[in-house]
Amino acid sequence: MDTAASVWLVLAAAAVAANLPFVNERLFAVAPLRGPKHLGWRVLELLVLFGGVIGLGVLLESRIGQRHEQGWEFYAVFFCLFLTLAFPGFVWRYLRRHRHS
């Protein structure tokens, strides 16, 4: 896999992972809950999925060549990008009016 494909794969994985906590009512998209999922669970899922996307990026970077050490600035910027990618799911879950049947 070349560098450009790896970058697009990480960005696509980040977009899907950032919206996953907001589009389903299961815990980590696997375990069903008895009641509705609260915002705290969604934030925890968001943080765990952020770590998973970082891990995917590290794995792909190490397969391409030598892995470069990143400072805290890189992770802060990527977390802000991750939160920006989560915005559509947040809007769909909390700001859109759902029809009650």
PDB file of N, CA and C in Angstrom:
ATOM      1  N   MET A   1       0.847  -1.170   0.000  1.00  0.00           N
ATOM      2  CA  MET A   1       0.000   0.000   0.000  1.00  0.00           C
ATOM      3  C   MET A   1       0.892   1.233   0.000  1.00  0.00           C
ATOM      4  N   ASP A   2       0.603   2.151  -0.886  1.00  0.00           N
ATOM      5  CA  ASP A   2       1.434   3.353  -0.962  1.00  0.00           C
ATOM      6  C   ASP A   2       0.998   4.384   0.081  1.00  0.00           C
ATOM      7  N   THR A   3       1.737   5.458   0.156  1.00  0.00           N
ATOM      8  CA  THR A   3       1.523   6.472   1.185  1.00  0.00           C
ATOM      9  C   THR A   3       0.174   7.163   1.042  1.00  0.00           C
ATOM     10  N   ALA A   4      -0.195   7.526  -0.169  1.00  0.00           N
ATOM     11  CA  ALA A   4      -1.458   8.232  -0.381  1.00  0.00           C
ATOM     12  C   ALA A   4      -2.648   7.358   0.016  1.00  0.00           C
ATOM     13  N   ALA A   5      -2.607   6.093  -0.335  1.00  0.00           N
ATOM     14  CA  ALA A   5      -3.700   5.196   0.036  1.00  0.00           C
ATOM     15  C   ALA A   5      -3.781   5.023   1.548  1.00  0.00           C
ATOM     16  N   SER A   6      -2.639   4.993   2.224  1.00  0.00           N
ATOM     17  CA  SER A   6      -2.634   4.879   3.679  1.00  0.00           C
ATOM     18  C   SER A   6      -3.249   6.105   4.338  1.00  0.00           C
ATOM     19  N   VAL A   7      -2.943   7.274   3.811  1.00  0.00           N
ATOM     20  CA  VAL A   7      -3.502   8.510   4.362  1.00  0.00           C
ATOM     21  C   VAL A   7      -5.013   8.521   4.194  1.00  0.00           C
ATOM     22  N   TRP A   8      -5.486   8.161   3.015  1.00  0.00           N
ATOM     23  CA  TRP A   8      -6.932   8.148   2.779  1.00  0.00           C
ATOM     24  C   TRP A   8      -7.625   7.084   3.621  1.00  0.00           C
ATOM     25  N   LEU A   9      -6.965   5.958   3.840  1.00  0.00           N
ATOM     26  CA  LEU A   9      -7.540   4.913   4.679  1.00  0.00           C
ATOM     27  C   LEU A   9      -7.688   5.389   6.126  1.00  0.00           C
ATOM     28  N   VAL A  10      -6.678   6.064   6.647  1.00  0.00           N
ATOM     29  CA  VAL A  10      -6.751   6.576   8.017  1.00  0.00           C
ATOM     30  C   VAL A  10      -7.825   7.653   8.126  1.00  0.00           C
ATOM     31  N   LEU A  11      -7.931   8.533   7.136  1.00  0.00           N
ATOM     32  CA  LEU A  11      -8.968   9.570   7.170  1.00  0.00           C
ATOM     33  C   LEU A  11     -10.372   8.978   7.074  1.00  0.00           C
ATOM     34  N   ALA A  12     -10.551   7.975   6.235  1.00  0.00           N
ATOM     35  CA  ALA A  12     -11.860   7.318   6.135  1.00  0.00           C
ATOM     36  C   ALA A  12     -12.201   6.584   7.425  1.00  0.00           C
ATOM     37  N   ALA A  13     -11.222   5.894   7.997  1.00  0.00           N
ATOM     38  CA  ALA A  13     -11.451   5.206   9.270  1.00  0.00           C
ATOM     39  C   ALA A  13     -11.779   6.206  10.372  1.00  0.00           C
ATOM     40  N   ALA A  14     -11.128   7.355  10.366  1.00  0.00           N
ATOM     41  CA  ALA A  14     -11.406   8.379  11.370  1.00  0.00           C
ATOM     42  C   ALA A  14     -12.824   8.928  11.207  1.00  0.00           C
ATOM     43  N   ALA A  15     -13.265   9.146   9.987  1.00  0.00           N
ATOM     44  CA  ALA A  15     -14.615   9.668   9.759  1.00  0.00           C
ATOM     45  C   ALA A  15     -15.676   8.670  10.227  1.00  0.00           C
ATOM     46  N   VAL A  16     -15.472   7.403   9.934  1.00  0.00           N
ATOM     47  CA  VAL A  16     -16.434   6.382  10.364  1.00  0.00           C
ATOM     48  C   VAL A  16     -16.397   6.222  11.884  1.00  0.00           C
ATOM     49  N   ALA A  17     -15.204   6.133  12.455  1.00  0.00           N
ATOM     50  CA  ALA A  17     -15.068   5.931  13.897  1.00  0.00           C
ATOM     51  C   ALA A  17     -15.589   7.122  14.688  1.00  0.00           C
ATOM     52  N   ALA A  18     -15.428   8.324  14.175  1.00  0.00           N
ATOM     53  CA  ALA A  18     -15.893   9.509  14.895  1.00  0.00           C
ATOM     54  C   ALA A  18     -17.410   9.569  14.961  1.00  0.00           C
ATOM     55  N   ASN A  19     -18.098   9.062  13.958  1.00  0.00           N
ATOM     56  CA  ASN A  19     -19.559   9.121  13.936  1.00  0.00           C
ATOM     57  C   ASN A  19     -20.218   7.878  14.520  1.00  0.00           C
ATOM     58  N   LEU A  20     -19.481   6.802  14.687  1.00  0.00           N
ATOM     59  CA  LEU A  20     -20.043   5.549  15.170  1.00  0.00           C
ATOM     60  C   LEU A  20     -20.719   5.664  16.532  1.00  0.00           C
ATOM     61  N   PRO A  21     -20.162   6.360  17.518  1.00  0.00           N
ATOM     62  CA  PRO A  21     -20.862   6.437  18.804  1.00  0.00           C
ATOM     63  C   PRO A  21     -22.215   7.141  18.749  1.00  0.00           C
ATOM     64  N   PHE A  22     -22.423   7.987  17.757  1.00  0.00           N
ATOM     65  CA  PHE A  22     -23.654   8.767  17.693  1.00  0.00           C
ATOM     66  C   PHE A  22     -24.744   8.133  16.838  1.00  0.00           C
ATOM     67  N   VAL A  23     -24.403   7.166  16.008  1.00  0.00           N
ATOM     68  CA  VAL A  23     -25.409   6.607  15.108  1.00  0.00           C
ATOM     69  C   VAL A  23     -25.978   5.277  15.574  1.00  0.00           C
ATOM     70  N   ASN A  24     -25.506   4.748  16.690  1.00  0.00           N
ATOM     71  CA  ASN A  24     -26.082   3.503  17.198  1.00  0.00           C
ATOM     72  C   ASN A  24     -26.311   3.589  18.695  1.00  0.00           C
ATOM     73  N   GLU A  25     -27.127   2.696  19.210  1.00  0.00           N
ATOM     74  CA  GLU A  25     -27.450   2.665  20.636  1.00  0.00           C
ATOM     75  C   GLU A  25     -26.759   1.515  21.358  1.00  0.00           C
ATOM     76  N   ARG A  26     -25.842   0.841  20.686  1.00  0.00           N
ATOM     77  CA  ARG A  26     -25.105  -0.252  21.316  1.00  0.00           C
ATOM     78  C   ARG A  26     -23.786   0.270  21.857  1.00  0.00           C
ATOM     79  N   LEU A  27     -23.302  -0.361  22.913  1.00  0.00           N
ATOM     80  CA  LEU A  27     -22.037   0.034  23.507  1.00  0.00           C
ATOM     81  C   LEU A  27     -20.903  -0.507  22.647  1.00  0.00           C
ATOM     82  N   PHE A  28     -20.085   0.363  22.109  1.00  0.00           N
ATOM     83  CA  PHE A  28     -18.999   0.036  21.184  1.00  0.00           C
ATOM     84  C   PHE A  28     -19.509  -0.727  19.973  1.00  0.00           C
ATOM     85  N   ALA A  29     -20.733  -0.452  19.578  1.00  0.00           N
ATOM     86  CA  ALA A  29     -21.399  -1.045  18.410  1.00  0.00           C
ATOM     87  C   ALA A  29     -21.551  -2.552  18.520  1.00  0.00           C
ATOM     88  N   VAL A  30     -21.403  -3.105  19.735  1.00  0.00           N
ATOM     89  CA  VAL A  30     -21.488  -4.552  19.914  1.00  0.00           C
ATOM     90  C   VAL A  30     -22.494  -4.916  20.999  1.00  0.00           C
ATOM     91  N   ALA A  31     -22.300  -4.393  22.200  1.00  0.00           N
ATOM     92  CA  ALA A  31     -23.077  -4.813  23.361  1.00  0.00           C
ATOM     93  C   ALA A  31     -24.361  -3.982  23.486  1.00  0.00           C
ATOM     94  N   PRO A  32     -25.510  -4.657  23.574  1.00  0.00           N
ATOM     95  CA  PRO A  32     -26.756  -3.900  23.749  1.00  0.00           C
ATOM     96  C   PRO A  32     -26.862  -3.362  25.183  1.00  0.00           C
ATOM     97  N   LEU A  33     -27.517  -2.222  25.313  1.00  0.00           N
ATOM     98  CA  LEU A  33     -27.761  -1.625  26.618  1.00  0.00           C
ATOM     99  C   LEU A  33     -29.237  -1.758  26.972  1.00  0.00           C
ATOM    100  N   ARG A  34     -29.541  -1.709  28.278  1.00  0.00           N
ATOM    101  CA  ARG A  34     -30.942  -1.807  28.712  1.00  0.00           C
ATOM    102  C   ARG A  34     -31.714  -0.533  28.418  1.00  0.00           C
ATOM    103  N   GLY A  35     -31.078   0.591  28.552  1.00  0.00           N
ATOM    104  CA  GLY A  35     -31.746   1.871  28.315  1.00  0.00           C
ATOM    105  C   GLY A  35     -31.034   2.642  27.226  1.00  0.00           C
ATOM    106  N   PRO A  36     -31.409   3.893  27.073  1.00  0.00           N
ATOM    107  CA  PRO A  36     -30.709   4.713  26.073  1.00  0.00           C
ATOM    108  C   PRO A  36     -29.267   5.004  26.495  1.00  0.00           C
ATOM    109  N   LYS A  37     -28.411   5.145  25.527  1.00  0.00           N
ATOM    110  CA  LYS A  37     -26.997   5.409  25.786  1.00  0.00           C
ATOM    111  C   LYS A  37     -26.817   6.884  26.110  1.00  0.00           C
ATOM    112  N   HIS A  38     -26.149   7.172  27.232  1.00  0.00           N
ATOM    113  CA  HIS A  38     -25.952   8.548  27.663  1.00  0.00           C
ATOM    114  C   HIS A  38     -24.712   9.149  27.011  1.00  0.00           C
ATOM    115  N   LEU A  39     -24.610  10.459  27.116  1.00  0.00           N
ATOM    116  CA  LEU A  39     -23.507  11.185  26.498  1.00  0.00           C
ATOM    117  C   LEU A  39     -22.148  10.725  27.036  1.00  0.00           C
ATOM    118  N   GLY A  40     -22.077  10.352  28.296  1.00  0.00           N
ATOM    119  CA  GLY A  40     -20.815   9.874  28.872  1.00  0.00           C
ATOM    120  C   GLY A  40     -20.292   8.632  28.175  1.00  0.00           C
ATOM    121  N   TRP A  41     -21.185   7.698  27.860  1.00  0.00           N
ATOM    122  CA  TRP A  41     -20.767   6.498  27.128  1.00  0.00           C
ATOM    123  C   TRP A  41     -20.295   6.870  25.724  1.00  0.00           C
ATOM    124  N   ARG A  42     -20.961   7.817  25.114  1.00  0.00           N
ATOM    125  CA  ARG A  42     -20.584   8.223  23.757  1.00  0.00           C
ATOM    126  C   ARG A  42     -19.206   8.885  23.752  1.00  0.00           C
ATOM    127  N   VAL A  43     -18.916   9.695  24.770  1.00  0.00           N
ATOM    128  CA  VAL A  43     -17.598  10.330  24.863  1.00  0.00           C
ATOM    129  C   VAL A  43     -16.524   9.279  25.111  1.00  0.00           C
ATOM    130  N   LEU A  44     -16.803   8.303  25.986  1.00  0.00           N
ATOM    131  CA  LEU A  44     -15.842   7.220  26.227  1.00  0.00           C
ATOM    132  C   LEU A  44     -15.576   6.437  24.941  1.00  0.00           C
ATOM    133  N   GLU A  45     -16.628   6.107  24.203  1.00  0.00           N
ATOM    134  CA  GLU A  45     -16.453   5.422  22.923  1.00  0.00           C
ATOM    135  C   GLU A  45     -15.628   6.259  21.959  1.00  0.00           C
ATOM    136  N   LEU A  46     -15.889   7.564  21.937  1.00  0.00           N
ATOM    137  CA  LEU A  46     -15.148   8.463  21.050  1.00  0.00           C
ATOM    138  C   LEU A  46     -13.660   8.433  21.371  1.00  0.00           C
ATOM    139  N   LEU A  47     -13.310   8.451  22.650  1.00  0.00           N
ATOM    140  CA  LEU A  47     -11.904   8.414  23.050  1.00  0.00           C
ATOM    141  C   LEU A  47     -11.246   7.079  22.703  1.00  0.00           C
ATOM    142  N   VAL A  48     -11.955   5.978  22.937  1.00  0.00           N
ATOM    143  CA  VAL A  48     -11.395   4.659  22.621  1.00  0.00           C
ATOM    144  C   VAL A  48     -11.221   4.497  21.111  1.00  0.00           C
ATOM    145  N   LEU A  49     -12.196   4.945  20.342  1.00  0.00           N
ATOM    146  CA  LEU A  49     -12.077   4.849  18.883  1.00  0.00           C
ATOM    147  C   LEU A  49     -10.990   5.775  18.349  1.00  0.00           C
ATOM    148  N   PHE A  50     -10.787   6.921  19.000  1.00  0.00           N
ATOM    149  CA  PHE A  50      -9.673   7.798  18.643  1.00  0.00           C
ATOM    150  C   PHE A  50      -8.351   7.056  18.824  1.00  0.00           C
ATOM    151  N   GLY A  51      -8.208   6.353  19.934  1.00  0.00           N
ATOM    152  CA  GLY A  51      -6.994   5.552  20.155  1.00  0.00           C
ATOM    153  C   GLY A  51      -6.826   4.464  19.106  1.00  0.00           C
ATOM    154  N   GLY A  52      -7.944   3.866  18.687  1.00  0.00           N
ATOM    155  CA  GLY A  52      -7.874   2.848  17.640  1.00  0.00           C
ATOM    156  C   GLY A  52      -7.425   3.406  16.302  1.00  0.00           C
ATOM    157  N   VAL A  53      -7.893   4.586  15.956  1.00  0.00           N
ATOM    158  CA  VAL A  53      -7.482   5.212  14.692  1.00  0.00           C
ATOM    159  C   VAL A  53      -6.010   5.615  14.762  1.00  0.00           C
ATOM    160  N   ILE A  54      -5.579   6.114  15.917  1.00  0.00           N
ATOM    161  CA  ILE A  54      -4.152   6.423  16.090  1.00  0.00           C
ATOM    162  C   ILE A  54      -3.324   5.147  15.924  1.00  0.00           C
ATOM    163  N   GLY A  55      -3.795   4.056  16.510  1.00  0.00           N
ATOM    164  CA  GLY A  55      -3.094   2.775  16.365  1.00  0.00           C
ATOM    165  C   GLY A  55      -3.026   2.318  14.920  1.00  0.00           C
ATOM    166  N   LEU A  56      -4.113   2.494  14.175  1.00  0.00           N
ATOM    167  CA  LEU A  56      -4.108   2.149  12.751  1.00  0.00           C
ATOM    168  C   LEU A  56      -3.096   2.992  11.998  1.00  0.00           C
ATOM    169  N   GLY A  57      -3.045   4.281  12.309  1.00  0.00           N
ATOM    170  CA  GLY A  57      -2.072   5.158  11.659  1.00  0.00           C
ATOM    171  C   GLY A  57      -0.642   4.766  11.956  1.00  0.00           C
ATOM    172  N   VAL A  58      -0.367   4.407  13.203  1.00  0.00           N
ATOM    173  CA  VAL A  58       0.980   3.974  13.587  1.00  0.00           C
ATOM    174  C   VAL A  58       1.339   2.679  12.855  1.00  0.00           C
ATOM    175  N   LEU A  59       0.388   1.753  12.786  1.00  0.00           N
ATOM    176  CA  LEU A  59       0.632   0.484  12.091  1.00  0.00           C
ATOM    177  C   LEU A  59       0.938   0.702  10.616  1.00  0.00           C
ATOM    178  N   LEU A  60       0.130   1.529   9.961  1.00  0.00           N
ATOM    179  CA  LEU A  60       0.362   1.782   8.535  1.00  0.00           C
ATOM    180  C   LEU A  60       1.668   2.529   8.301  1.00  0.00           C
ATOM    181  N   GLU A  61       1.992   3.467   9.186  1.00  0.00           N
ATOM    182  CA  GLU A  61       3.239   4.212   9.032  1.00  0.00           C
ATOM    183  C   GLU A  61       4.452   3.309   9.226  1.00  0.00           C
ATOM    184  N   SER A  62       4.371   2.375  10.165  1.00  0.00           N
ATOM    185  CA  SER A  62       5.500   1.476  10.378  1.00  0.00           C
ATOM    186  C   SER A  62       5.644   0.466   9.239  1.00  0.00           C
ATOM    187  N   ARG A  63       4.543   0.128   8.555  1.00  0.00           N
ATOM    188  CA  ARG A  63       4.629  -0.787   7.414  1.00  0.00           C
ATOM    189  C   ARG A  63       5.205  -0.099   6.184  1.00  0.00           C
ATOM    190  N   ILE A  64       5.001   1.230   6.068  1.00  0.00           N
ATOM    191  CA  ILE A  64       5.524   1.971   4.921  1.00  0.00           C
ATOM    192  C   ILE A  64       7.027   2.156   5.032  1.00  0.00           C
ATOM    193  N   GLY A  65       7.474   2.470   6.222  1.00  0.00           N
ATOM    194  CA  GLY A  65       8.897   2.747   6.412  1.00  0.00           C
ATOM    195  C   GLY A  65       9.177   3.033   7.865  1.00  0.00           C
ATOM    196  N   GLN A  66      10.113   3.875   8.114  1.00  0.00           N
ATOM    197  CA  GLN A  66      10.487   4.198   9.481  1.00  0.00           C
ATOM    198  C   GLN A  66       9.418   5.073  10.129  1.00  0.00           C
ATOM    199  N   ARG A  67       9.019   4.715  11.334  1.00  0.00           N
ATOM    200  CA  ARG A  67       8.009   5.474  12.058  1.00  0.00           C
ATOM    201  C   ARG A  67       8.654   6.685  12.721  1.00  0.00           C
ATOM    202  N   HIS A  68       8.003   7.840  12.575  1.00  0.00           N
ATOM    203  CA  HIS A  68       8.502   9.074  13.171  1.00  0.00           C
ATOM    204  C   HIS A  68       7.795   9.325  14.493  1.00  0.00           C
ATOM    205  N   GLU A  69       8.545   9.713  15.496  1.00  0.00           N
ATOM    206  CA  GLU A  69       7.959  10.058  16.783  1.00  0.00           C
ATOM    207  C   GLU A  69       7.218  11.383  16.646  1.00  0.00           C
ATOM    208  N   GLN A  70       6.051  11.468  17.262  1.00  0.00           N
ATOM    209  CA  GLN A  70       5.233  12.678  17.198  1.00  0.00           C
ATOM    210  C   GLN A  70       5.168  13.304  18.583  1.00  0.00           C
ATOM    211  N   GLY A  71       5.087  14.610  18.615  1.00  0.00           N
ATOM    212  CA  GLY A  71       4.932  15.332  19.865  1.00  0.00           C
ATOM    213  C   GLY A  71       3.463  15.463  20.226  1.00  0.00           C
ATOM    214  N   TRP A  72       3.198  16.101  21.348  1.00  0.00           N
ATOM    215  CA  TRP A  72       1.823  16.251  21.809  1.00  0.00           C
ATOM    216  C   TRP A  72       1.012  17.116  20.848  1.00  0.00           C
ATOM    217  N   GLU A  73       1.673  17.984  20.094  1.00  0.00           N
ATOM    218  CA  GLU A  73       0.963  18.864  19.173  1.00  0.00           C
ATOM    219  C   GLU A  73       0.243  18.072  18.083  1.00  0.00           C
ATOM    220  N   PHE A  74       0.915  17.028  17.584  1.00  0.00           N
ATOM    221  CA  PHE A  74       0.316  16.189  16.552  1.00  0.00           C
ATOM    222  C   PHE A  74      -0.969  15.548  17.057  1.00  0.00           C
ATOM    223  N   TYR A  75      -0.931  14.996  18.261  1.00  0.00           N
ATOM    224  CA  TYR A  75      -2.101  14.317  18.816  1.00  0.00           C
ATOM    225  C   TYR A  75      -3.215  15.313  19.137  1.00  0.00           C
ATOM    226  N   ALA A  76      -2.862  16.517  19.569  1.00  0.00           N
ATOM    227  CA  ALA A  76      -3.876  17.539  19.843  1.00  0.00           C
ATOM    228  C   ALA A  76      -4.580  17.963  18.553  1.00  0.00           C
ATOM    229  N   VAL A  77      -3.809  18.155  17.494  1.00  0.00           N
ATOM    230  CA  VAL A  77      -4.406  18.549  16.215  1.00  0.00           C
ATOM    231  C   VAL A  77      -5.254  17.417  15.656  1.00  0.00           C
ATOM    232  N   PHE A  78      -4.782  16.188  15.749  1.00  0.00           N
ATOM    233  CA  PHE A  78      -5.550  15.063  15.227  1.00  0.00           C
ATOM    234  C   PHE A  78      -6.824  14.853  16.039  1.00  0.00           C
ATOM    235  N   PHE A  79      -6.782  15.090  17.351  1.00  0.00           N
ATOM    236  CA  PHE A  79      -7.986  14.976  18.169  1.00  0.00           C
ATOM    237  C   PHE A  79      -9.000  16.048  17.773  1.00  0.00           C
ATOM    238  N   CYS A  80      -8.535  17.252  17.490  1.00  0.00           N
ATOM    239  CA  CYS A  80      -9.447  18.307  17.018  1.00  0.00           C
ATOM    240  C   CYS A  80     -10.054  17.936  15.669  1.00  0.00           C
ATOM    241  N   LEU A  81      -9.264  17.352  14.779  1.00  0.00           N
ATOM    242  CA  LEU A  81      -9.791  16.874  13.502  1.00  0.00           C
ATOM    243  C   LEU A  81     -10.816  15.769  13.734  1.00  0.00           C
ATOM    244  N   PHE A  82     -10.545  14.876  14.672  1.00  0.00           N
ATOM    245  CA  PHE A  82     -11.451  13.784  14.991  1.00  0.00           C
ATOM    246  C   PHE A  82     -12.778  14.327  15.516  1.00  0.00           C
ATOM    247  N   LEU A  83     -12.715  15.338  16.378  1.00  0.00           N
ATOM    248  CA  LEU A  83     -13.944  15.956  16.882  1.00  0.00           C
ATOM    249  C   LEU A  83     -14.704  16.664  15.767  1.00  0.00           C
ATOM    250  N   THR A  84     -13.987  17.286  14.840  1.00  0.00           N
ATOM    251  CA  THR A  84     -14.639  17.929  13.703  1.00  0.00           C
ATOM    252  C   THR A  84     -15.343  16.896  12.827  1.00  0.00           C
ATOM    253  N   LEU A  85     -14.708  15.743  12.639  1.00  0.00           N
ATOM    254  CA  LEU A  85     -15.339  14.684  11.855  1.00  0.00           C
ATOM    255  C   LEU A  85     -16.547  14.089  12.574  1.00  0.00           C
ATOM    256  N   ALA A  86     -16.607  14.203  13.903  1.00  0.00           N
ATOM    257  CA  ALA A  86     -17.732  13.675  14.674  1.00  0.00           C
ATOM    258  C   ALA A  86     -18.934  14.614  14.666  1.00  0.00           C
ATOM    259  N   PHE A  87     -18.777  15.819  14.162  1.00  0.00           N
ATOM    260  CA  PHE A  87     -19.854  16.801  14.211  1.00  0.00           C
ATOM    261  C   PHE A  87     -21.132  16.356  13.504  1.00  0.00           C
ATOM    262  N   PRO A  88     -21.084  15.745  12.312  1.00  0.00           N
ATOM    263  CA  PRO A  88     -22.347  15.312  11.684  1.00  0.00           C
ATOM    264  C   PRO A  88     -23.116  14.303  12.530  1.00  0.00           C
ATOM    265  N   GLY A  89     -22.424  13.365  13.150  1.00  0.00           N
ATOM    266  CA  GLY A  89     -23.103  12.396  14.016  1.00  0.00           C
ATOM    267  C   GLY A  89     -23.696  13.049  15.248  1.00  0.00           C
ATOM    268  N   PHE A  90     -22.985  14.013  15.823  1.00  0.00           N
ATOM    269  CA  PHE A  90     -23.494  14.740  16.985  1.00  0.00           C
ATOM    270  C   PHE A  90     -24.746  15.532  16.620  1.00  0.00           C
ATOM    271  N   VAL A  91     -24.715  16.195  15.474  1.00  0.00           N
ATOM    272  CA  VAL A  91     -25.882  16.959  15.026  1.00  0.00           C
ATOM    273  C   VAL A  91     -27.055  16.024  14.789  1.00  0.00           C
ATOM    274  N   TRP A  92     -26.807  14.881  14.175  1.00  0.00           N
ATOM    275  CA  TRP A  92     -27.883  13.936  13.899  1.00  0.00           C
ATOM    276  C   TRP A  92     -28.491  13.403  15.194  1.00  0.00           C
ATOM    277  N   ARG A  93     -27.667  13.158  16.198  1.00  0.00           N
ATOM    278  CA  ARG A  93     -28.164  12.580  17.449  1.00  0.00           C
ATOM    279  C   ARG A  93     -28.828  13.615  18.351  1.00  0.00           C
ATOM    280  N   TYR A  94     -28.237  14.782  18.511  1.00  0.00           N
ATOM    281  CA  TYR A  94     -28.692  15.707  19.542  1.00  0.00           C
ATOM    282  C   TYR A  94     -29.380  16.968  19.029  1.00  0.00           C
ATOM    283  N   LEU A  95     -29.097  17.417  17.844  1.00  0.00           N
ATOM    284  CA  LEU A  95     -29.665  18.679  17.383  1.00  0.00           C
ATOM    285  C   LEU A  95     -30.797  18.526  16.384  1.00  0.00           C
ATOM    286  N   ARG A  96     -30.882  17.391  15.723  1.00  0.00           N
ATOM    287  CA  ARG A  96     -31.959  17.149  14.753  1.00  0.00           C
ATOM    288  C   ARG A  96     -33.217  16.715  15.489  1.00  0.00           C
ATOM    289  N   ARG A  97     -34.342  17.198  15.020  1.00  0.00           N
ATOM    290  CA  ARG A  97     -35.601  16.782  15.634  1.00  0.00           C
ATOM    291  C   ARG A  97     -36.024  15.445  15.061  1.00  0.00           C
ATOM    292  N   HIS A  98     -36.124  14.455  15.931  1.00  0.00           N
ATOM    293  CA  HIS A  98     -36.557  13.122  15.506  1.00  0.00           C
ATOM    294  C   HIS A  98     -38.068  13.011  15.669  1.00  0.00           C
ATOM    295  N   ARG A  99     -38.687  12.320  14.750  1.00  0.00           N
ATOM    296  CA  ARG A  99     -40.118  12.105  14.858  1.00  0.00           C
ATOM    297  C   ARG A  99     -40.370  11.020  15.893  1.00  0.00           C
ATOM    298  N   HIS A 100     -41.262  11.297  16.804  1.00  0.00           N
ATOM    299  CA  HIS A 100     -41.645  10.300  17.813  1.00  0.00           C
ATOM    300  C   HIS A 100     -42.871   9.558  17.326  1.00  0.00           C
ATOM    301  N   SER A 101     -42.744   8.222  17.210  1.00  0.00           N
ATOM    302  CA  SER A 101     -43.884   7.466  16.707  1.00  0.00           C
ATOM    303  C   SER A 101     -44.755   6.947  17.819  1.00  0.00           C
TER     304      SER A 101
END
